[in-house]
């Protein structure tokens, strides 16, 4: 699963380093989430959605019917 991480991060004008610091992870983890090499844990998805002011569904690219 490749989340729409970079799109939302850039809309908020945040760097990977800033996101990492806010979430208490290293920048490498953030970069891997962005490239799809790794996925954040479920609890991190919730934190990311709050940070990016979107829903988890939007972050995951889930289309509502």
PDB file of N, CA and C in Angstrom:
ATOM      1  N   UNK A   1       0.850  -1.178   0.000  1.00  0.00           N
ATOM      2  CA  UNK A   1       0.000   0.000   0.000  1.00  0.00           C
ATOM      3  C   UNK A   1       0.892   1.236   0.000  1.00  0.00           C
ATOM      4  N   UNK A   2       0.654   2.112  -0.932  1.00  0.00           N
ATOM      5  CA  UNK A   2       1.395   3.376  -0.975  1.00  0.00           C
ATOM      6  C   UNK A   2       0.424   4.504  -0.617  1.00  0.00           C
ATOM      7  N   UNK A   3       0.632   5.056   0.550  1.00  0.00           N
ATOM      8  CA  UNK A   3      -0.238   6.138   0.981  1.00  0.00           C
ATOM      9  C   UNK A   3       0.106   7.408   0.218  1.00  0.00           C
ATOM     10  N   UNK A   4      -0.815   8.341   0.208  1.00  0.00           N
ATOM     11  CA  UNK A   4      -0.628   9.607  -0.504  1.00  0.00           C
ATOM     12  C   UNK A   4       0.110  10.597   0.396  1.00  0.00           C
ATOM     13  N   UNK A   5       1.166  10.085   0.970  1.00  0.00           N
ATOM     14  CA  UNK A   5       1.886  10.818   1.997  1.00  0.00           C
ATOM     15  C   UNK A   5       2.520  12.101   1.478  1.00  0.00           C
ATOM     16  N   UNK A   6       3.283  11.989   0.413  1.00  0.00           N
ATOM     17  CA  UNK A   6       4.032  13.145  -0.086  1.00  0.00           C
ATOM     18  C   UNK A   6       3.094  14.286  -0.482  1.00  0.00           C
ATOM     19  N   UNK A   7       2.002  13.938  -1.139  1.00  0.00           N
ATOM     20  CA  UNK A   7       1.024  14.951  -1.562  1.00  0.00           C
ATOM     21  C   UNK A   7       0.502  15.745  -0.370  1.00  0.00           C
ATOM     22  N   UNK A   8       0.108  15.055   0.681  1.00  0.00           N
ATOM     23  CA  UNK A   8      -0.426  15.732   1.855  1.00  0.00           C
ATOM     24  C   UNK A   8       0.664  16.487   2.615  1.00  0.00           C
ATOM     25  N   UNK A   9       1.860  15.903   2.676  1.00  0.00           N
ATOM     26  CA  UNK A   9       2.972  16.570   3.365  1.00  0.00           C
ATOM     27  C   UNK A   9       3.310  17.885   2.677  1.00  0.00           C
ATOM     28  N   UNK A  10       3.360  17.860   1.357  1.00  0.00           N
ATOM     29  CA  UNK A  10       3.694  19.075   0.615  1.00  0.00           C
ATOM     30  C   UNK A  10       2.591  20.126   0.707  1.00  0.00           C
ATOM     31  N   UNK A  11       1.337  19.699   0.759  1.00  0.00           N
ATOM     32  CA  UNK A  11       0.236  20.660   0.929  1.00  0.00           C
ATOM     33  C   UNK A  11       0.364  21.423   2.238  1.00  0.00           C
ATOM     34  N   UNK A  12       0.896  20.752   3.255  1.00  0.00           N
ATOM     35  CA  UNK A  12       1.098  21.391   4.561  1.00  0.00           C
ATOM     36  C   UNK A  12       2.454  22.095   4.655  1.00  0.00           C
ATOM     37  N   UNK A  13       3.224  22.036   3.573  1.00  0.00           N
ATOM     38  CA  UNK A  13       4.533  22.687   3.512  1.00  0.00           C
ATOM     39  C   UNK A  13       5.457  22.204   4.628  1.00  0.00           C
ATOM     40  N   UNK A  14       5.499  20.880   4.793  1.00  0.00           N
ATOM     41  CA  UNK A  14       6.354  20.272   5.807  1.00  0.00           C
ATOM     42  C   UNK A  14       7.440  19.444   5.133  1.00  0.00           C
ATOM     43  N   UNK A  15       8.620  19.430   5.723  1.00  0.00           N
ATOM     44  CA  UNK A  15       9.699  18.576   5.231  1.00  0.00           C
ATOM     45  C   UNK A  15       9.568  17.194   5.871  1.00  0.00           C
ATOM     46  N   UNK A  16      10.275  16.232   5.309  1.00  0.00           N
ATOM     47  CA  UNK A  16      10.301  14.903   5.913  1.00  0.00           C
ATOM     48  C   UNK A  16      10.858  14.992   7.329  1.00  0.00           C
ATOM     49  N   UNK A  17      11.875  15.802   7.510  1.00  0.00           N
ATOM     50  CA  UNK A  17      12.496  15.970   8.822  1.00  0.00           C
ATOM     51  C   UNK A  17      11.505  16.535   9.840  1.00  0.00           C
ATOM     52  N   UNK A  18      10.703  17.507   9.423  1.00  0.00           N
ATOM     53  CA  UNK A  18       9.715  18.106  10.330  1.00  0.00           C
ATOM     54  C   UNK A  18       8.662  17.083  10.734  1.00  0.00           C
ATOM     55  N   UNK A  19       8.187  16.321   9.780  1.00  0.00           N
ATOM     56  CA  UNK A  19       7.187  15.284  10.079  1.00  0.00           C
ATOM     57  C   UNK A  19       7.784  14.254  11.034  1.00  0.00           C
ATOM     58  N   UNK A  20       9.001  13.847  10.770  1.00  0.00           N
ATOM     59  CA  UNK A  20       9.673  12.875  11.632  1.00  0.00           C
ATOM     60  C   UNK A  20       9.769  13.388  13.071  1.00  0.00           C
ATOM     61  N   UNK A  21      10.152  14.636  13.210  1.00  0.00           N
ATOM     62  CA  UNK A  21      10.296  15.222  14.547  1.00  0.00           C
ATOM     63  C   UNK A  21       8.942  15.279  15.266  1.00  0.00           C
ATOM     64  N   UNK A  22       7.901  15.684  14.554  1.00  0.00           N
ATOM     65  CA  UNK A  22       6.563  15.777  15.148  1.00  0.00           C
ATOM     66  C   UNK A  22       6.084  14.412  15.630  1.00  0.00           C
ATOM     67  N   UNK A  23       6.352  13.365  14.828  1.00  0.00           N
ATOM     68  CA  UNK A  23       5.866  12.021  15.158  1.00  0.00           C
ATOM     69  C   UNK A  23       6.826  11.220  16.033  1.00  0.00           C
ATOM     70  N   UNK A  24       8.029  11.749  16.243  1.00  0.00           N
ATOM     71  CA  UNK A  24       8.986  11.044  17.076  1.00  0.00           C
ATOM     72  C   UNK A  24       9.604   9.828  16.398  1.00  0.00           C
ATOM     73  N   UNK A  25       9.798   9.927  15.091  1.00  0.00           N
ATOM     74  CA  UNK A  25      10.448   8.861  14.321  1.00  0.00           C
ATOM     75  C   UNK A  25      11.637   9.470  13.594  1.00  0.00           C
ATOM     76  N   UNK A  26      12.435   8.635  12.922  1.00  0.00           N
ATOM     77  CA  UNK A  26      13.545   9.206  12.168  1.00  0.00           C
ATOM     78  C   UNK A  26      13.119   9.521  10.732  1.00  0.00           C
ATOM     79  N   UNK A  27      13.886  10.367  10.068  1.00  0.00           N
ATOM     80  CA  UNK A  27      13.543  10.813   8.729  1.00  0.00           C
ATOM     81  C   UNK A  27      13.528   9.657   7.732  1.00  0.00           C
ATOM     82  N   UNK A  28      14.369   8.653   7.960  1.00  0.00           N
ATOM     83  CA  UNK A  28      14.402   7.492   7.079  1.00  0.00           C
ATOM     84  C   UNK A  28      13.054   6.780   7.060  1.00  0.00           C
ATOM     85  N   UNK A  29      12.413   6.663   8.212  1.00  0.00           N
ATOM     86  CA  UNK A  29      11.088   6.035   8.281  1.00  0.00           C
ATOM     87  C   UNK A  29      10.092   6.822   7.442  1.00  0.00           C
ATOM     88  N   UNK A  30      10.135   8.130   7.562  1.00  0.00           N
ATOM     89  CA  UNK A  30       9.228   8.992   6.800  1.00  0.00           C
ATOM     90  C   UNK A  30       9.480   8.828   5.297  1.00  0.00           C
ATOM     91  N   UNK A  31      10.739   8.798   4.904  1.00  0.00           N
ATOM     92  CA  UNK A  31      11.090   8.627   3.490  1.00  0.00           C
ATOM     93  C   UNK A  31      10.583   7.290   2.964  1.00  0.00           C
ATOM     94  N   UNK A  32      10.697   6.245   3.763  1.00  0.00           N
ATOM     95  CA  UNK A  32      10.214   4.922   3.344  1.00  0.00           C
ATOM     96  C   UNK A  32       8.699   4.889   3.216  1.00  0.00           C
ATOM     97  N   UNK A  33       7.988   5.583   4.098  1.00  0.00           N
ATOM     98  CA  UNK A  33       6.535   5.666   3.964  1.00  0.00           C
ATOM     99  C   UNK A  33       6.178   6.350   2.656  1.00  0.00           C
ATOM    100  N   UNK A  34       6.924   7.384   2.341  1.00  0.00           N
ATOM    101  CA  UNK A  34       6.648   8.178   1.148  1.00  0.00           C
ATOM    102  C   UNK A  34       6.882   7.393  -0.136  1.00  0.00           C
ATOM    103  N   UNK A  35       7.889   6.565  -0.155  1.00  0.00           N
ATOM    104  CA  UNK A  35       8.206   5.795  -1.362  1.00  0.00           C
ATOM    105  C   UNK A  35       7.436   4.488  -1.445  1.00  0.00           C
ATOM    106  N   UNK A  36       6.790   4.105  -0.358  1.00  0.00           N
ATOM    107  CA  UNK A  36       6.062   2.845  -0.334  1.00  0.00           C
ATOM    108  C   UNK A  36       6.944   1.665   0.049  1.00  0.00           C
ATOM    109  N   UNK A  37       8.203   1.933   0.420  1.00  0.00           N
ATOM    110  CA  UNK A  37       9.111   0.863   0.831  1.00  0.00           C
ATOM    111  C   UNK A  37       8.691   0.268   2.172  1.00  0.00           C
ATOM    112  N   UNK A  38       7.955   1.033   2.944  1.00  0.00           N
ATOM    113  CA  UNK A  38       7.458   0.602   4.241  1.00  0.00           C
ATOM    114  C   UNK A  38       6.152   1.341   4.488  1.00  0.00           C
ATOM    115  N   UNK A  39       5.337   0.839   5.391  1.00  0.00           N
ATOM    116  CA  UNK A  39       4.065   1.487   5.721  1.00  0.00           C
ATOM    117  C   UNK A  39       4.033   1.841   7.197  1.00  0.00           C
ATOM    118  N   UNK A  40       3.427   2.974   7.525  1.00  0.00           N
ATOM    119  CA  UNK A  40       3.320   3.335   8.944  1.00  0.00           C
ATOM    120  C   UNK A  40       2.328   2.420   9.657  1.00  0.00           C
ATOM    121  N   UNK A  41       2.537   2.257  10.954  1.00  0.00           N
ATOM    122  CA  UNK A  41       1.591   1.494  11.768  1.00  0.00           C
ATOM    123  C   UNK A  41       0.239   2.208  11.754  1.00  0.00           C
ATOM    124  N   UNK A  42      -0.792   1.496  12.118  1.00  0.00           N
ATOM    125  CA  UNK A  42      -2.148   2.047  12.130  1.00  0.00           C
ATOM    126  C   UNK A  42      -2.239   3.292  13.005  1.00  0.00           C
ATOM    127  N   UNK A  43      -1.624   3.251  14.176  1.00  0.00           N
ATOM    128  CA  UNK A  43      -1.699   4.417  15.055  1.00  0.00           C
ATOM    129  C   UNK A  43      -0.987   5.617  14.443  1.00  0.00           C
ATOM    130  N   UNK A  44       0.048   5.367  13.659  1.00  0.00           N
ATOM    131  CA  UNK A  44       0.744   6.457  12.967  1.00  0.00           C
ATOM    132  C   UNK A  44      -0.130   7.034  11.856  1.00  0.00           C
ATOM    133  N   UNK A  45      -0.918   6.191  11.206  1.00  0.00           N
ATOM    134  CA  UNK A  45      -1.826   6.694  10.165  1.00  0.00           C
ATOM    135  C   UNK A  45      -2.798   7.714  10.752  1.00  0.00           C
ATOM    136  N   UNK A  46      -3.290   7.420  11.939  1.00  0.00           N
ATOM    137  CA  UNK A  46      -4.212   8.346  12.612  1.00  0.00           C
ATOM    138  C   UNK A  46      -3.493   9.655  12.923  1.00  0.00           C
ATOM    139  N   UNK A  47      -2.270   9.562  13.434  1.00  0.00           N
ATOM    140  CA  UNK A  47      -1.479  10.766  13.738  1.00  0.00           C
ATOM    141  C   UNK A  47      -1.201  11.566  12.468  1.00  0.00           C
ATOM    142  N   UNK A  48      -0.864  10.861  11.383  1.00  0.00           N
ATOM    143  CA  UNK A  48      -0.597  11.535  10.108  1.00  0.00           C
ATOM    144  C   UNK A  48      -1.840  12.248   9.594  1.00  0.00           C
ATOM    145  N   UNK A  49      -2.983  11.583   9.685  1.00  0.00           N
ATOM    146  CA  UNK A  49      -4.228  12.193   9.223  1.00  0.00           C
ATOM    147  C   UNK A  49      -4.531  13.470  10.009  1.00  0.00           C
ATOM    148  N   UNK A  50      -4.304  13.436  11.295  1.00  0.00           N
ATOM    149  CA  UNK A  50      -4.511  14.642  12.110  1.00  0.00           C
ATOM    150  C   UNK A  50      -3.538  15.743  11.700  1.00  0.00           C
ATOM    151  N   UNK A  51      -2.280  15.371  11.522  1.00  0.00           N
ATOM    152  CA  UNK A  51      -1.258  16.336  11.138  1.00  0.00           C
ATOM    153  C   UNK A  51      -1.571  16.971   9.788  1.00  0.00           C
ATOM    154  N   UNK A  52      -2.017  16.149   8.847  1.00  0.00           N
ATOM    155  CA  UNK A  52      -2.287  16.633   7.494  1.00  0.00           C
ATOM    156  C   UNK A  52      -3.712  17.163   7.315  1.00  0.00           C
ATOM    157  N   UNK A  53      -4.487  17.111   8.402  1.00  0.00           N
ATOM    158  CA  UNK A  53      -5.873  17.606   8.385  1.00  0.00           C
ATOM    159  C   UNK A  53      -6.694  16.932   7.292  1.00  0.00           C
ATOM    160  N   UNK A  54      -6.661  15.612   7.322  1.00  0.00           N
ATOM    161  CA  UNK A  54      -7.446  14.812   6.380  1.00  0.00           C
ATOM    162  C   UNK A  54      -7.931  13.575   7.115  1.00  0.00           C
ATOM    163  N   UNK A  55      -8.688  12.744   6.444  1.00  0.00           N
ATOM    164  CA  UNK A  55      -9.115  11.484   7.035  1.00  0.00           C
ATOM    165  C   UNK A  55      -8.100  10.397   6.683  1.00  0.00           C
ATOM    166  N   UNK A  56      -8.130   9.314   7.421  1.00  0.00           N
ATOM    167  CA  UNK A  56      -7.262   8.185   7.096  1.00  0.00           C
ATOM    168  C   UNK A  56      -7.617   7.657   5.709  1.00  0.00           C
ATOM    169  N   UNK A  57      -8.918   7.621   5.387  1.00  0.00           N
ATOM    170  CA  UNK A  57      -9.340   7.171   4.052  1.00  0.00           C
ATOM    171  C   UNK A  57      -8.724   8.042   2.950  1.00  0.00           C
ATOM    172  N   UNK A  58      -8.719   9.339   3.150  1.00  0.00           N
ATOM    173  CA  UNK A  58      -8.117  10.235   2.162  1.00  0.00           C
ATOM    174  C   UNK A  58      -6.614   9.975   2.041  1.00  0.00           C
ATOM    175  N   UNK A  59      -5.981   9.777   3.172  1.00  0.00           N
ATOM    176  CA  UNK A  59      -4.541   9.512   3.189  1.00  0.00           C
ATOM    177  C   UNK A  59      -4.208   8.218   2.446  1.00  0.00           C
ATOM    178  N   UNK A  60      -5.088   7.225   2.586  1.00  0.00           N
ATOM    179  CA  UNK A  60      -4.874   5.947   1.929  1.00  0.00           C
ATOM    180  C   UNK A  60      -5.375   5.927   0.484  1.00  0.00           C
ATOM    181  N   UNK A  61      -6.037   6.995   0.070  1.00  0.00           N
ATOM    182  CA  UNK A  61      -6.552   7.054  -1.297  1.00  0.00           C
ATOM    183  C   UNK A  61      -7.815   6.255  -1.498  1.00  0.00           C
ATOM    184  N   UNK A  62      -8.557   6.009  -0.420  1.00  0.00           N
ATOM    185  CA  UNK A  62      -9.812   5.265  -0.495  1.00  0.00           C
ATOM    186  C   UNK A  62     -10.901   6.206  -0.992  1.00  0.00           C
ATOM    187  N   UNK A  63     -11.563   5.795  -2.033  1.00  0.00           N
ATOM    188  CA  UNK A  63     -12.643   6.621  -2.591  1.00  0.00           C
ATOM    189  C   UNK A  63     -13.954   6.254  -1.925  1.00  0.00           C
ATOM    190  N   UNK A  64     -14.706   7.255  -1.498  1.00  0.00           N
ATOM    191  CA  UNK A  64     -16.017   6.988  -0.906  1.00  0.00           C
ATOM    192  C   UNK A  64     -17.054   6.839  -2.010  1.00  0.00           C
ATOM    193  N   UNK A  65     -18.064   6.071  -1.731  1.00  0.00           N
ATOM    194  CA  UNK A  65     -19.091   5.802  -2.749  1.00  0.00           C
ATOM    195  C   UNK A  65     -20.185   6.831  -2.729  1.00  0.00           C
TER     196      UNK A  65
END
